[in-house]
Each structure stands twice: as C-alpha cells, then as structure tokens.
Amino acid sequence: EKLIREGRAVAIERPDTRDRVLFAPTAAKQAPAGLRAAWAAVEVPRGDDLQAALVQRKLLSKEELEVRRARKAAAIKAREEAKRAAKPKRERVGSRKITNTHLDLGK
C-alpha cells in the first residue's frame, strides 16, 4: 500500500482470482480502452485443451509434447528420489535377544 501511495508501484488486480500483482511504474501511457477490453476478452485454454490447440495450430508437434511429458515425469521422479535419499536413515541396533519370560512357567 505504501509503495502504491508513493507512486513507486502499480497494482493490478485480477478479477477471476483476486490476485494482486505489483509492477514498477512505467513512463509509457496506458493502452486504449478498446485494446484493453479486447485483451481481457481473450480466453486461453488450460491444460490438455491448450496442448490440443497448440498441436492443431501446428505450433507444437505431438512428439514434442511427448518429449516434454517424459522430461517432466523424469524430473518429478528425480526430485522424489532426492527427497527420499535426503531422509536420515535410522540406525539399527545390534542383534537383540528376545525372550518371552512371561511364558516360562517355572522351568
């Protein structure tokens, strides 16, 4: 709030998520209202719909998407293995003698 009041930052609130993003102020003028409305009206597909749209418009091939999926899966697996390796291992105590003294009936 202080940065905005002092003019050292510009805040933009997204109406769909209510997230607030701060930017440094620019010397450029604001875009015309028509351009801002057109930009806000653009709907970007998410997830698999986005990938299908990229393939349909020939911006990515199915092979490239498969390579990306494999690379992402490998990164996730490596991260999980590193996390597992970082856990401290419990030390094992030497062999213990286990007795059931409660079963000894006066022997």
PDB file of N, CA and C in Angstrom:
ATOM      1  N   GLU A   1       0.827  -1.186   0.000  1.00  0.00           N
ATOM      2  CA  GLU A   1       0.000   0.000   0.000  1.00  0.00           C
ATOM      3  C   GLU A   1       0.872   1.250   0.000  1.00  0.00           C
ATOM      4  N   LYS A   2       1.932   1.208   0.778  1.00  0.00           N
ATOM      5  CA  LYS A   2       2.808   2.371   0.884  1.00  0.00           C
ATOM      6  C   LYS A   2       3.469   2.681  -0.458  1.00  0.00           C
ATOM      7  N   LEU A   3       3.940   1.634  -1.148  1.00  0.00           N
ATOM      8  CA  LEU A   3       4.584   1.825  -2.449  1.00  0.00           C
ATOM      9  C   LEU A   3       3.603   2.401  -3.464  1.00  0.00           C
ATOM     10  N   ILE A   4       2.371   1.969  -3.416  1.00  0.00           N
ATOM     11  CA  ILE A   4       1.361   2.463  -4.356  1.00  0.00           C
ATOM     12  C   ILE A   4       1.060   3.927  -4.069  1.00  0.00           C
ATOM     13  N   ARG A   5       0.897   4.266  -2.795  1.00  0.00           N
ATOM     14  CA  ARG A   5       0.611   5.671  -2.431  1.00  0.00           C
ATOM     15  C   ARG A   5       1.751   6.588  -2.843  1.00  0.00           C
ATOM     16  N   GLU A   6       2.994   6.105  -2.701  1.00  0.00           N
ATOM     17  CA  GLU A   6       4.157   6.925  -3.058  1.00  0.00           C
ATOM     18  C   GLU A   6       4.392   6.972  -4.565  1.00  0.00           C
ATOM     19  N   GLY A   7       3.661   6.142  -5.332  1.00  0.00           N
ATOM     20  CA  GLY A   7       3.832   6.119  -6.781  1.00  0.00           C
ATOM     21  C   GLY A   7       5.013   5.294  -7.231  1.00  0.00           C
ATOM     22  N   ARG A   8       5.548   4.469  -6.343  1.00  0.00           N
ATOM     23  CA  ARG A   8       6.702   3.644  -6.689  1.00  0.00           C
ATOM     24  C   ARG A   8       6.289   2.276  -7.218  1.00  0.00           C
ATOM     25  N   ALA A   9       4.974   1.974  -7.223  1.00  0.00           N
ATOM     26  CA  ALA A   9       4.486   0.701  -7.740  1.00  0.00           C
ATOM     27  C   ALA A   9       3.080   0.886  -8.282  1.00  0.00           C
ATOM     28  N   VAL A  10       2.714   0.013  -9.210  1.00  0.00           N
ATOM     29  CA  VAL A  10       1.377  -0.001  -9.790  1.00  0.00           C
ATOM     30  C   VAL A  10       0.775  -1.368  -9.478  1.00  0.00           C
ATOM     31  N   ALA A  11      -0.442  -1.387  -8.972  1.00  0.00           N
ATOM     32  CA  ALA A  11      -1.085  -2.656  -8.621  1.00  0.00           C
ATOM     33  C   ALA A  11      -2.162  -2.992  -9.649  1.00  0.00           C
ATOM     34  N   ILE A  12      -2.205  -4.258 -10.020  1.00  0.00           N
ATOM     35  CA  ILE A  12      -3.246  -4.738 -10.931  1.00  0.00           C
ATOM     36  C   ILE A  12      -3.909  -5.916 -10.233  1.00  0.00           C
ATOM     37  N   GLU A  13      -5.241  -5.864 -10.142  1.00  0.00           N
ATOM     38  CA  GLU A  13      -5.986  -6.952  -9.521  1.00  0.00           C
ATOM     39  C   GLU A  13      -6.669  -7.767 -10.610  1.00  0.00           C
ATOM     40  N   ARG A  14      -6.500  -9.084 -10.514  1.00  0.00           N
ATOM     41  CA  ARG A  14      -7.166  -9.964 -11.466  1.00  0.00           C
ATOM     42  C   ARG A  14      -8.551 -10.266 -10.922  1.00  0.00           C
ATOM     43  N   PRO A  15      -9.602 -10.020 -11.701  1.00  0.00           N
ATOM     44  CA  PRO A  15     -10.959 -10.243 -11.192  1.00  0.00           C
ATOM     45  C   PRO A  15     -11.316 -11.713 -11.007  1.00  0.00           C
ATOM     46  N   ASP A  16     -10.667 -12.592 -11.763  1.00  0.00           N
ATOM     47  CA  ASP A  16     -11.027 -14.006 -11.659  1.00  0.00           C
ATOM     48  C   ASP A  16     -10.422 -14.681 -10.433  1.00  0.00           C
ATOM     49  N   THR A  17      -9.241 -14.260 -10.017  1.00  0.00           N
ATOM     50  CA  THR A  17      -8.589 -14.907  -8.876  1.00  0.00           C
ATOM     51  C   THR A  17      -8.394 -13.966  -7.693  1.00  0.00           C
ATOM     52  N   ARG A  18      -8.671 -12.717  -7.886  1.00  0.00           N
ATOM     53  CA  ARG A  18      -8.464 -11.686  -6.864  1.00  0.00           C
ATOM     54  C   ARG A  18      -7.001 -11.567  -6.433  1.00  0.00           C
ATOM     55  N   ASP A  19      -6.093 -12.055  -7.276  1.00  0.00           N
ATOM     56  CA  ASP A  19      -4.669 -11.891  -7.010  1.00  0.00           C
ATOM     57  C   ASP A  19      -4.292 -10.455  -7.313  1.00  0.00           C
ATOM     58  N   ARG A  20      -3.348  -9.959  -6.579  1.00  0.00           N
ATOM     59  CA  ARG A  20      -2.881  -8.591  -6.780  1.00  0.00           C
ATOM     60  C   ARG A  20      -1.418  -8.654  -7.184  1.00  0.00           C
ATOM     61  N   VAL A  21      -1.084  -8.038  -8.311  1.00  0.00           N
ATOM     62  CA  VAL A  21       0.275  -8.061  -8.832  1.00  0.00           C
ATOM     63  C   VAL A  21       0.816  -6.644  -8.813  1.00  0.00           C
ATOM     64  N   LEU A  22       2.033  -6.498  -8.317  1.00  0.00           N
ATOM     65  CA  LEU A  22       2.676  -5.183  -8.266  1.00  0.00           C
ATOM     66  C   LEU A  22       3.721  -5.087  -9.368  1.00  0.00           C
ATOM     67  N   PHE A  23       3.743  -3.938 -10.040  1.00  0.00           N
ATOM     68  CA  PHE A  23       4.710  -3.666 -11.088  1.00  0.00           C
ATOM     69  C   PHE A  23       5.351  -2.322 -10.808  1.00  0.00           C
ATOM     70  N   ALA A  24       6.543  -2.154 -11.321  1.00  0.00           N
ATOM     71  CA  ALA A  24       7.179  -0.840 -11.255  1.00  0.00           C
ATOM     72  C   ALA A  24       6.455   0.071 -12.236  1.00  0.00           C
ATOM     73  N   PRO A  25       6.262   1.325 -11.889  1.00  0.00           N
ATOM     74  CA  PRO A  25       5.567   2.223 -12.815  1.00  0.00           C
ATOM     75  C   PRO A  25       6.398   2.436 -14.088  1.00  0.00           C
ATOM     76  N   THR A  26       5.722   2.587 -15.201  1.00  0.00           N
ATOM     77  CA  THR A  26       6.406   2.806 -16.476  1.00  0.00           C
ATOM     78  C   THR A  26       6.143   4.222 -16.964  1.00  0.00           C
ATOM     79  N   ALA A  27       7.005   4.670 -17.851  1.00  0.00           N
ATOM     80  CA  ALA A  27       6.841   6.001 -18.421  1.00  0.00           C
ATOM     81  C   ALA A  27       5.850   5.987 -19.576  1.00  0.00           C
ATOM     82  N   ALA A  28       5.497   4.797 -20.051  1.00  0.00           N
ATOM     83  CA  ALA A  28       4.579   4.675 -21.188  1.00  0.00           C
ATOM     84  C   ALA A  28       3.150   5.007 -20.763  1.00  0.00           C
ATOM     85  N   LYS A  29       2.362   5.452 -21.748  1.00  0.00           N
ATOM     86  CA  LYS A  29       0.956   5.746 -21.475  1.00  0.00           C
ATOM     87  C   LYS A  29       0.156   4.452 -21.438  1.00  0.00           C
ATOM     88  N   GLN A  30      -1.025   4.526 -20.873  1.00  0.00           N
ATOM     89  CA  GLN A  30      -1.892   3.359 -20.773  1.00  0.00           C
ATOM     90  C   GLN A  30      -2.462   3.019 -22.153  1.00  0.00           C
ATOM     91  N   ALA A  31      -2.674   1.737 -22.392  1.00  0.00           N
ATOM     92  CA  ALA A  31      -3.233   1.289 -23.665  1.00  0.00           C
ATOM     93  C   ALA A  31      -4.666   1.797 -23.799  1.00  0.00           C
ATOM     94  N   PRO A  32      -5.146   1.983 -25.028  1.00  0.00           N
ATOM     95  CA  PRO A  32      -6.523   2.443 -25.223  1.00  0.00           C
ATOM     96  C   PRO A  32      -7.526   1.444 -24.627  1.00  0.00           C
ATOM     97  N   ALA A  33      -8.680   1.929 -24.242  1.00  0.00           N
ATOM     98  CA  ALA A  33      -9.700   1.102 -23.597  1.00  0.00           C
ATOM     99  C   ALA A  33     -10.141  -0.049 -24.501  1.00  0.00           C
ATOM    100  N   GLY A  34     -10.248   0.194 -25.804  1.00  0.00           N
ATOM    101  CA  GLY A  34     -10.660  -0.863 -26.731  1.00  0.00           C
ATOM    102  C   GLY A  34      -9.660  -2.012 -26.757  1.00  0.00           C
ATOM    103  N   LEU A  35      -8.385  -1.688 -26.754  1.00  0.00           N
ATOM    104  CA  LEU A  35      -7.342  -2.703 -26.762  1.00  0.00           C
ATOM    105  C   LEU A  35      -7.346  -3.488 -25.443  1.00  0.00           C
ATOM    106  N   ARG A  36      -7.529  -2.783 -24.329  1.00  0.00           N
ATOM    107  CA  ARG A  36      -7.584  -3.464 -23.029  1.00  0.00           C
ATOM    108  C   ARG A  36      -8.792  -4.393 -22.951  1.00  0.00           C
ATOM    109  N   ALA A  37      -9.926  -3.961 -23.489  1.00  0.00           N
ATOM    110  CA  ALA A  37     -11.124  -4.805 -23.469  1.00  0.00           C
ATOM    111  C   ALA A  37     -10.928  -6.041 -24.356  1.00  0.00           C
ATOM    112  N   ALA A  38     -10.300  -5.854 -25.517  1.00  0.00           N
ATOM    113  CA  ALA A  38     -10.049  -6.981 -26.413  1.00  0.00           C
ATOM    114  C   ALA A  38      -9.075  -7.969 -25.761  1.00  0.00           C
ATOM    115  N   TRP A  39      -8.067  -7.455 -25.090  1.00  0.00           N
ATOM    116  CA  TRP A  39      -7.079  -8.312 -24.431  1.00  0.00           C
ATOM    117  C   TRP A  39      -7.735  -9.114 -23.297  1.00  0.00           C
ATOM    118  N   ALA A  40      -8.602  -8.463 -22.537  1.00  0.00           N
ATOM    119  CA  ALA A  40      -9.274  -9.130 -21.425  1.00  0.00           C
ATOM    120  C   ALA A  40     -10.267 -10.177 -21.916  1.00  0.00           C
ATOM    121  N   ALA A  41     -10.789 -10.002 -23.123  1.00  0.00           N
ATOM    122  CA  ALA A  41     -11.789 -10.934 -23.654  1.00  0.00           C
ATOM    123  C   ALA A  41     -11.171 -12.220 -24.203  1.00  0.00           C
ATOM    124  N   VAL A  42      -9.860 -12.237 -24.389  1.00  0.00           N
ATOM    125  CA  VAL A  42      -9.193 -13.413 -24.937  1.00  0.00           C
ATOM    126  C   VAL A  42      -9.193 -14.518 -23.884  1.00  0.00           C
ATOM    127  N   GLU A  43      -9.688 -15.685 -24.268  1.00  0.00           N
ATOM    128  CA  GLU A  43      -9.723 -16.835 -23.369  1.00  0.00           C
ATOM    129  C   GLU A  43      -8.611 -17.795 -23.790  1.00  0.00           C
ATOM    130  N   VAL A  44      -7.731 -18.093 -22.879  1.00  0.00           N
ATOM    131  CA  VAL A  44      -6.640 -19.024 -23.150  1.00  0.00           C
ATOM    132  C   VAL A  44      -7.033 -20.383 -22.590  1.00  0.00           C
ATOM    133  N   PRO A  45      -7.018 -21.423 -23.422  1.00  0.00           N
ATOM    134  CA  PRO A  45      -7.358 -22.756 -22.910  1.00  0.00           C
ATOM    135  C   PRO A  45      -6.319 -23.214 -21.886  1.00  0.00           C
ATOM    136  N   ARG A  46      -6.737 -24.132 -21.014  1.00  0.00           N
ATOM    137  CA  ARG A  46      -5.835 -24.623 -19.968  1.00  0.00           C
ATOM    138  C   ARG A  46      -5.610 -26.123 -20.115  1.00  0.00           C
ATOM    139  N   GLY A  47      -4.461 -26.576 -19.624  1.00  0.00           N
ATOM    140  CA  GLY A  47      -4.161 -27.999 -19.550  1.00  0.00           C
ATOM    141  C   GLY A  47      -4.137 -28.682 -20.899  1.00  0.00           C
ATOM    142  N   ASP A  48      -4.863 -29.781 -20.998  1.00  0.00           N
ATOM    143  CA  ASP A  48      -4.878 -30.578 -22.231  1.00  0.00           C
ATOM    144  C   ASP A  48      -5.504 -29.813 -23.390  1.00  0.00           C
ATOM    145  N   ASP A  49      -6.455 -28.922 -23.094  1.00  0.00           N
ATOM    146  CA  ASP A  49      -7.076 -28.117 -24.156  1.00  0.00           C
ATOM    147  C   ASP A  49      -6.042 -27.202 -24.808  1.00  0.00           C
ATOM    148  N   LEU A  50      -5.147 -26.641 -23.990  1.00  0.00           N
ATOM    149  CA  LEU A  50      -4.099 -25.774 -24.524  1.00  0.00           C
ATOM    150  C   LEU A  50      -3.154 -26.579 -25.415  1.00  0.00           C
ATOM    151  N   GLN A  51      -2.772 -27.758 -24.961  1.00  0.00           N
ATOM    152  CA  GLN A  51      -1.872 -28.584 -25.760  1.00  0.00           C
ATOM    153  C   GLN A  51      -2.527 -28.999 -27.072  1.00  0.00           C
ATOM    154  N   ALA A  52      -3.810 -29.330 -27.029  1.00  0.00           N
ATOM    155  CA  ALA A  52      -4.524 -29.691 -28.258  1.00  0.00           C
ATOM    156  C   ALA A  52      -4.581 -28.504 -29.222  1.00  0.00           C
ATOM    157  N   ALA A  53      -4.801 -27.310 -28.681  1.00  0.00           N
ATOM    158  CA  ALA A  53      -4.852 -26.115 -29.530  1.00  0.00           C
ATOM    159  C   ALA A  53      -3.491 -25.835 -30.159  1.00  0.00           C
ATOM    160  N   LEU A  54      -2.407 -26.039 -29.408  1.00  0.00           N
ATOM    161  CA  LEU A  54      -1.063 -25.825 -29.956  1.00  0.00           C
ATOM    162  C   LEU A  54      -0.758 -26.817 -31.077  1.00  0.00           C
ATOM    163  N   VAL A  55      -1.178 -28.064 -30.893  1.00  0.00           N
ATOM    164  CA  VAL A  55      -0.957 -29.069 -31.935  1.00  0.00           C
ATOM    165  C   VAL A  55      -1.812 -28.747 -33.158  1.00  0.00           C
ATOM    166  N   GLN A  56      -3.062 -28.348 -32.919  1.00  0.00           N
ATOM    167  CA  GLN A  56      -3.973 -28.043 -34.022  1.00  0.00           C
ATOM    168  C   GLN A  56      -3.446 -26.883 -34.868  1.00  0.00           C
ATOM    169  N   ARG A  57      -2.866 -25.884 -34.218  1.00  0.00           N
ATOM    170  CA  ARG A  57      -2.336 -24.716 -34.947  1.00  0.00           C
ATOM    171  C   ARG A  57      -0.900 -24.920 -35.421  1.00  0.00           C
ATOM    172  N   LYS A  58      -0.397 -26.145 -35.202  1.00  0.00           N
ATOM    173  CA  LYS A  58       0.935 -26.529 -35.651  1.00  0.00           C
ATOM    174  C   LYS A  58       2.040 -25.689 -35.021  1.00  0.00           C
ATOM    175  N   LEU A  59       1.836 -25.311 -33.763  1.00  0.00           N
ATOM    176  CA  LEU A  59       2.871 -24.602 -33.026  1.00  0.00           C
ATOM    177  C   LEU A  59       3.760 -25.585 -32.270  1.00  0.00           C
ATOM    178  N   LEU A  60       3.217 -26.751 -31.969  1.00  0.00           N
ATOM    179  CA  LEU A  60       3.958 -27.859 -31.363  1.00  0.00           C
ATOM    180  C   LEU A  60       3.495 -29.146 -32.026  1.00  0.00           C
ATOM    181  N   SER A  61       4.399 -30.116 -32.054  1.00  0.00           N
ATOM    182  CA  SER A  61       4.003 -31.421 -32.590  1.00  0.00           C
ATOM    183  C   SER A  61       3.692 -32.357 -31.426  1.00  0.00           C
ATOM    184  N   LYS A  62       3.024 -33.452 -31.732  1.00  0.00           N
ATOM    185  CA  LYS A  62       2.711 -34.433 -30.687  1.00  0.00           C
ATOM    186  C   LYS A  62       3.990 -35.028 -30.121  1.00  0.00           C
ATOM    187  N   GLU A  63       5.000 -35.185 -30.960  1.00  0.00           N
ATOM    188  CA  GLU A  63       6.272 -35.735 -30.497  1.00  0.00           C
ATOM    189  C   GLU A  63       6.924 -34.806 -29.484  1.00  0.00           C
ATOM    190  N   GLU A  64       6.873 -33.492 -29.753  1.00  0.00           N
ATOM    191  CA  GLU A  64       7.445 -32.537 -28.811  1.00  0.00           C
ATOM    192  C   GLU A  64       6.706 -32.562 -27.472  1.00  0.00           C
ATOM    193  N   LEU A  65       5.398 -32.723 -27.520  1.00  0.00           N
ATOM    194  CA  LEU A  65       4.628 -32.801 -26.282  1.00  0.00           C
ATOM    195  C   LEU A  65       4.992 -34.056 -25.493  1.00  0.00           C
ATOM    196  N   GLU A  66       5.204 -35.180 -26.209  1.00  0.00           N
ATOM    197  CA  GLU A  66       5.590 -36.418 -25.538  1.00  0.00           C
ATOM    198  C   GLU A  66       6.958 -36.272 -24.884  1.00  0.00           C
ATOM    199  N   VAL A  67       7.880 -35.598 -25.578  1.00  0.00           N
ATOM    200  CA  VAL A  67       9.215 -35.372 -25.010  1.00  0.00           C
ATOM    201  C   VAL A  67       9.092 -34.520 -23.748  1.00  0.00           C
ATOM    202  N   ARG A  68       8.255 -33.505 -23.787  1.00  0.00           N
ATOM    203  CA  ARG A  68       8.054 -32.648 -22.609  1.00  0.00           C
ATOM    204  C   ARG A  68       7.464 -33.438 -21.452  1.00  0.00           C
ATOM    205  N   ARG A  69       6.467 -34.281 -21.746  1.00  0.00           N
ATOM    206  CA  ARG A  69       5.853 -35.092 -20.688  1.00  0.00           C
ATOM    207  C   ARG A  69       6.876 -36.030 -20.064  1.00  0.00           C
ATOM    208  N   ALA A  70       7.692 -36.661 -20.912  1.00  0.00           N
ATOM    209  CA  ALA A  70       8.710 -37.590 -20.400  1.00  0.00           C
ATOM    210  C   ALA A  70       9.738 -36.849 -19.552  1.00  0.00           C
ATOM    211  N   ARG A  71      10.143 -35.673 -20.006  1.00  0.00           N
ATOM    212  CA  ARG A  71      11.120 -34.882 -19.256  1.00  0.00           C
ATOM    213  C   ARG A  71      10.549 -34.451 -17.913  1.00  0.00           C
ATOM    214  N   LYS A  72       9.283 -34.061 -17.911  1.00  0.00           N
ATOM    215  CA  LYS A  72       8.635 -33.646 -16.668  1.00  0.00           C
ATOM    216  C   LYS A  72       8.504 -34.824 -15.705  1.00  0.00           C
ATOM    217  N   ALA A  73       8.122 -35.989 -16.222  1.00  0.00           N
ATOM    218  CA  ALA A  73       7.999 -37.179 -15.378  1.00  0.00           C
ATOM    219  C   ALA A  73       9.361 -37.565 -14.794  1.00  0.00           C
ATOM    220  N   ALA A  74      10.412 -37.453 -15.600  1.00  0.00           N
ATOM    221  CA  ALA A  74      11.756 -37.776 -15.115  1.00  0.00           C
ATOM    222  C   ALA A  74      12.189 -36.794 -14.032  1.00  0.00           C
ATOM    223  N   ALA A  75      11.864 -35.535 -14.200  1.00  0.00           N
ATOM    224  CA  ALA A  75      12.221 -34.529 -13.191  1.00  0.00           C
ATOM    225  C   ALA A  75      11.487 -34.785 -11.881  1.00  0.00           C
ATOM    226  N   ILE A  76      10.219 -35.142 -11.973  1.00  0.00           N
ATOM    227  CA  ILE A  76       9.439 -35.440 -10.766  1.00  0.00           C
ATOM    228  C   ILE A  76      10.016 -36.659 -10.054  1.00  0.00           C
ATOM    229  N   LYS A  77      10.361 -37.692 -10.831  1.00  0.00           N
ATOM    230  CA  LYS A  77      10.927 -38.908 -10.247  1.00  0.00           C
ATOM    231  C   LYS A  77      12.267 -38.613  -9.579  1.00  0.00           C
ATOM    232  N   ALA A  78      13.110 -37.816 -10.226  1.00  0.00           N
ATOM    233  CA  ALA A  78      14.413 -37.473  -9.660  1.00  0.00           C
ATOM    234  C   ALA A  78      14.249 -36.667  -8.381  1.00  0.00           C
ATOM    235  N   ARG A  79      13.272 -35.774  -8.369  1.00  0.00           N
ATOM    236  CA  ARG A  79      13.023 -34.962  -7.167  1.00  0.00           C
ATOM    237  C   ARG A  79      12.564 -35.840  -6.003  1.00  0.00           C
ATOM    238  N   GLU A  80      11.687 -36.810  -6.296  1.00  0.00           N
ATOM    239  CA  GLU A  80      11.206 -37.716  -5.256  1.00  0.00           C
ATOM    240  C   GLU A  80      12.342 -38.589  -4.735  1.00  0.00           C
ATOM    241  N   GLU A  81      13.207 -39.070  -5.633  1.00  0.00           N
ATOM    242  CA  GLU A  81      14.338 -39.893  -5.205  1.00  0.00           C
ATOM    243  C   GLU A  81      15.313 -39.083  -4.361  1.00  0.00           C
ATOM    244  N   ALA A  82      15.545 -37.835  -4.738  1.00  0.00           N
ATOM    245  CA  ALA A  82      16.440 -36.978  -3.959  1.00  0.00           C
ATOM    246  C   ALA A  82      15.846 -36.708  -2.581  1.00  0.00           C
ATOM    247  N   LYS A  83      14.544 -36.535  -2.535  1.00  0.00           N
ATOM    248  CA  LYS A  83      13.873 -36.292  -1.262  1.00  0.00           C
ATOM    249  C   LYS A  83      13.981 -37.533  -0.375  1.00  0.00           C
ATOM    250  N   ARG A  84      13.790 -38.706  -0.986  1.00  0.00           N
ATOM    251  CA  ARG A  84      13.891 -39.968  -0.247  1.00  0.00           C
ATOM    252  C   ARG A  84      15.323 -40.174   0.252  1.00  0.00           C
ATOM    253  N   ALA A  85      16.313 -39.842  -0.561  1.00  0.00           N
ATOM    254  CA  ALA A  85      17.714 -40.030  -0.191  1.00  0.00           C
ATOM    255  C   ALA A  85      18.126 -39.052   0.911  1.00  0.00           C
ATOM    256  N   ALA A  86      17.481 -37.911   0.977  1.00  0.00           N
ATOM    257  CA  ALA A  86      17.840 -36.903   1.966  1.00  0.00           C
ATOM    258  C   ALA A  86      17.321 -37.242   3.356  1.00  0.00           C
ATOM    259  N   LYS A  87      16.351 -38.148   3.450  1.00  0.00           N
ATOM    260  CA  LYS A  87      15.817 -38.522   4.758  1.00  0.00           C
ATOM    261  C   LYS A  87      16.887 -39.259   5.543  1.00  0.00           C
ATOM    262  N   PRO A  88      17.034 -38.940   6.825  1.00  0.00           N
ATOM    263  CA  PRO A  88      18.028 -39.664   7.622  1.00  0.00           C
ATOM    264  C   PRO A  88      17.581 -41.104   7.853  1.00  0.00           C
ATOM    265  N   LYS A  89      18.537 -42.003   7.725  1.00  0.00           N
ATOM    266  CA  LYS A  89      18.224 -43.410   7.925  1.00  0.00           C
ATOM    267  C   LYS A  89      18.383 -43.737   9.407  1.00  0.00           C
ATOM    268  N   ARG A  90      17.479 -44.532   9.904  1.00  0.00           N
ATOM    269  CA  ARG A  90      17.559 -44.931  11.301  1.00  0.00           C
ATOM    270  C   ARG A  90      18.695 -45.932  11.465  1.00  0.00           C
ATOM    271  N   GLU A  91      19.415 -45.759  12.545  1.00  0.00           N
ATOM    272  CA  GLU A  91      20.497 -46.699  12.813  1.00  0.00           C
ATOM    273  C   GLU A  91      19.913 -47.968  13.412  1.00  0.00           C
ATOM    274  N   ARG A  92      20.432 -49.078  12.994  1.00  0.00           N
ATOM    275  CA  ARG A  92      19.978 -50.354  13.535  1.00  0.00           C
ATOM    276  C   ARG A  92      20.860 -50.729  14.718  1.00  0.00           C
ATOM    277  N   VAL A  93      20.193 -51.145  15.726  1.00  0.00           N
ATOM    278  CA  VAL A  93      20.917 -51.605  16.902  1.00  0.00           C
ATOM    279  C   VAL A  93      21.327 -53.039  16.630  1.00  0.00           C
ATOM    280  N   GLY A  94      22.445 -53.470  17.206  1.00  0.00           N
ATOM    281  CA  GLY A  94      22.912 -54.841  17.014  1.00  0.00           C
ATOM    282  C   GLY A  94      21.840 -55.841  17.405  1.00  0.00           C
ATOM    283  N   SER A  95      22.126 -57.089  17.230  1.00  0.00           N
ATOM    284  CA  SER A  95      21.115 -58.105  17.486  1.00  0.00           C
ATOM    285  C   SER A  95      20.664 -58.040  18.946  1.00  0.00           C
ATOM    286  N   ARG A  96      19.429 -58.262  19.150  1.00  0.00           N
ATOM    287  CA  ARG A  96      18.845 -58.253  20.487  1.00  0.00           C
ATOM    288  C   ARG A  96      18.325 -59.649  20.797  1.00  0.00           C
ATOM    289  N   LYS A  97      18.431 -59.996  22.047  1.00  0.00           N
ATOM    290  CA  LYS A  97      17.891 -61.273  22.472  1.00  0.00           C
ATOM    291  C   LYS A  97      16.442 -61.046  22.861  1.00  0.00           C
ATOM    292  N   ILE A  98      15.570 -61.773  22.246  1.00  0.00           N
ATOM    293  CA  ILE A  98      14.151 -61.628  22.538  1.00  0.00           C
ATOM    294  C   ILE A  98      13.747 -62.795  23.415  1.00  0.00           C
ATOM    295  N   THR A  99      13.199 -62.461  24.549  1.00  0.00           N
ATOM    296  CA  THR A  99      12.765 -63.521  25.472  1.00  0.00           C
ATOM    297  C   THR A  99      11.318 -63.323  25.812  1.00  0.00           C
ATOM    298  N   ASN A 100      10.670 -64.412  26.006  1.00  0.00           N
ATOM    299  CA  ASN A 100       9.270 -64.376  26.446  1.00  0.00           C
ATOM    300  C   ASN A 100       9.236 -64.923  27.867  1.00  0.00           C
ATOM    301  N   THR A 101       9.692 -64.125  28.778  1.00  0.00           N
ATOM    302  CA  THR A 101       9.771 -64.606  30.167  1.00  0.00           C
ATOM    303  C   THR A 101       8.396 -64.878  30.762  1.00  0.00           C
ATOM    304  N   HIS A 102       7.402 -64.251  30.228  1.00  0.00           N
ATOM    305  CA  HIS A 102       6.062 -64.497  30.764  1.00  0.00           C
ATOM    306  C   HIS A 102       5.546 -65.879  30.393  1.00  0.00           C
ATOM    307  N   LEU A 103       6.202 -66.549  29.417  1.00  0.00           N
ATOM    308  CA  LEU A 103       5.803 -67.881  29.038  1.00  0.00           C
ATOM    309  C   LEU A 103       6.513 -68.969  29.860  1.00  0.00           C
ATOM    310  N   ASP A 104       7.599 -68.577  30.498  1.00  0.00           N
ATOM    311  CA  ASP A 104       8.300 -69.546  31.342  1.00  0.00           C
ATOM    312  C   ASP A 104       7.465 -69.795  32.593  1.00  0.00           C
ATOM    313  N   LEU A 105       6.991 -71.029  32.732  1.00  0.00           N
ATOM    314  CA  LEU A 105       6.120 -71.352  33.858  1.00  0.00           C
ATOM    315  C   LEU A 105       6.881 -72.141  34.917  1.00  0.00           C
ATOM    316  N   GLY A 106       7.951 -71.587  35.385  1.00  0.00           N
ATOM    317  CA  GLY A 106       8.691 -72.200  36.463  1.00  0.00           C
ATOM    318  C   GLY A 106       9.709 -73.211  36.009  1.00  0.00           C
ATOM    319  N   LYS A 107      10.186 -73.158  34.826  1.00  0.00           N
ATOM    320  CA  LYS A 107      11.206 -74.109  34.357  1.00  0.00           C
ATOM    321  C   LYS A 107      12.526 -73.814  34.991  1.00  0.00           C
TER     322      LYS A 107
END
